[in-house]
Amino acid sequence: MINSDKLESGNAAISKFMERSHVFNYHESWNLLMPVIEKITVQQFRAALYFNQESAAANIYDPLNRLIEIQTHGPRESSIMTVWKGVVDFLERTQTGSND
C-alpha cells in the first residue's frame, strides 16, 4: 500500500506534467490516467503495459527503444496502481535526468 504522502506527491508530479493547476487523484481513475500515457506517447515515447495473474509491469521506452522504466508489483496491486506507479517513477526519472 502506498502512503498518502507518496500519493499526494505523485499526483502533484502528474498534474505538473499535464500542466494543470489542480491536483487530481490520477491513481483512482483510468479517465484521468490514460491522457497522461497519451501525452508521454506524444512526446515520442512508447508506453507498454503488461499484466498477468502473478505480477504486473508498466514499461516505458525511449525513442531508441531502450527501457527507461519498469515497475513490477505483486498480485495484490491493482492494475491502475501499477500503471500510476510506473508513470510517477518515469516522471521522477525524466525530471532528474536519470535513466537508471
Protein backbone atom coordinates (compact mmCIF):
# COMPACT_ATOMS: atom_id res chain seq x y z
CA MET A 1 0.00 0.00 0.00
CA ILE A 2 1.24 3.47 -0.83
CA ASN A 3 1.25 6.07 1.92
CA SER A 4 -0.74 9.28 1.50
CA ASP A 5 2.38 11.45 1.11
CA LYS A 6 3.52 9.39 -1.90
CA LEU A 7 0.02 9.55 -3.42
CA GLU A 8 -0.06 13.32 -2.95
CA SER A 9 3.42 13.95 -4.34
CA GLY A 10 2.87 11.53 -7.25
CA ASN A 11 -0.43 13.11 -8.23
CA ALA A 12 1.18 16.57 -7.94
CA ALA A 13 4.01 15.48 -10.28
CA ILE A 14 1.48 14.19 -12.81
CA SER A 15 -0.57 17.41 -12.60
CA LYS A 16 2.59 19.44 -13.19
CA PHE A 17 3.49 17.27 -16.21
CA MET A 18 -0.05 17.72 -17.56
CA GLU A 19 0.22 21.49 -16.93
CA ARG A 20 -2.80 21.55 -14.65
CA SER A 21 -3.19 23.85 -11.68
CA HIS A 22 -5.45 21.40 -9.82
CA VAL A 23 -4.11 18.10 -8.45
CA PHE A 24 -6.35 15.18 -9.40
CA ASN A 25 -6.49 11.64 -7.98
CA TYR A 26 -4.91 10.02 -11.03
CA HIS A 27 -4.46 6.75 -9.11
CA GLU A 28 -8.25 6.33 -8.90
CA SER A 29 -9.42 6.93 -12.47
CA TRP A 30 -8.42 5.49 -15.83
CA ASN A 31 -10.17 8.51 -17.39
CA LEU A 32 -7.60 10.76 -15.70
CA LEU A 33 -4.57 8.50 -16.08
CA MET A 34 -4.86 7.49 -19.75
CA PRO A 35 -4.38 11.05 -21.08
CA VAL A 36 -1.07 11.07 -19.16
CA ILE A 37 0.03 7.92 -21.00
CA GLU A 38 -1.10 9.53 -24.27
CA LYS A 39 0.95 12.66 -23.55
CA ILE A 40 4.03 10.55 -22.79
CA THR A 41 3.48 8.77 -26.12
CA VAL A 42 3.03 12.07 -27.99
CA GLN A 43 6.41 13.17 -26.65
CA GLN A 44 7.94 10.33 -28.69
CA PHE A 45 7.95 7.68 -26.01
CA ARG A 46 6.32 4.30 -26.42
CA ALA A 47 4.33 3.06 -23.46
CA ALA A 48 3.75 -0.64 -23.00
CA LEU A 49 1.65 -2.04 -20.19
CA TYR A 50 1.65 -5.74 -19.32
CA PHE A 51 -0.37 -7.64 -16.75
CA ASN A 52 -0.71 -11.26 -15.66
CA GLN A 53 -2.01 -13.06 -12.59
CA GLU A 54 1.36 -13.31 -10.87
CA SER A 55 2.70 -9.81 -11.40
CA ALA A 56 2.13 -6.57 -13.23
CA ALA A 57 4.50 -4.24 -15.01
CA ALA A 58 4.48 -0.79 -16.54
CA ASN A 59 7.22 -0.31 -19.12
CA ILE A 60 8.13 2.93 -20.86
CA TYR A 61 10.72 3.01 -23.64
CA ASP A 62 12.58 5.95 -25.13
CA PRO A 63 12.67 6.61 -28.93
CA LEU A 64 15.78 4.42 -29.29
CA ASN A 65 13.86 1.52 -27.75
CA ARG A 66 15.94 1.48 -24.56
CA LEU A 67 14.00 0.55 -21.45
CA ILE A 68 13.71 3.60 -19.19
CA GLU A 69 11.28 2.31 -16.63
CA ILE A 70 9.81 -0.92 -15.40
CA GLN A 71 7.79 -1.42 -12.27
CA THR A 72 6.73 -4.84 -11.12
CA HIS A 73 4.44 -5.48 -8.20
CA GLY A 74 2.85 -8.49 -6.63
CA PRO A 75 -0.63 -9.76 -7.42
CA ARG A 76 -2.22 -7.63 -4.70
CA GLU A 77 -1.58 -4.43 -6.67
CA SER A 78 -4.44 -3.18 -8.78
CA SER A 79 -3.65 -2.59 -12.44
CA ILE A 80 -4.33 1.14 -12.18
CA MET A 81 -1.97 1.45 -9.21
CA THR A 82 0.76 -0.39 -11.10
CA VAL A 83 0.41 1.96 -14.07
CA TRP A 84 0.25 5.01 -11.78
CA LYS A 85 3.47 3.96 -10.03
CA GLY A 86 5.18 3.41 -13.38
CA VAL A 87 4.12 6.86 -14.61
CA VAL A 88 5.24 8.57 -11.39
CA ASP A 89 8.59 6.76 -11.41
CA PHE A 90 9.05 7.63 -15.08
CA LEU A 91 8.31 11.32 -14.46
CA GLU A 92 10.68 11.40 -11.48
CA ARG A 93 13.48 9.86 -13.57
CA THR A 94 12.98 12.11 -16.58
CA GLN A 95 12.75 15.24 -14.42
CA THR A 96 16.04 14.41 -12.73
CA GLY A 97 17.64 13.21 -15.97
CA SER A 98 18.37 9.71 -14.65
CA ASN A 99 17.93 6.67 -16.90
CA ASP A 100 18.83 4.06 -14.30
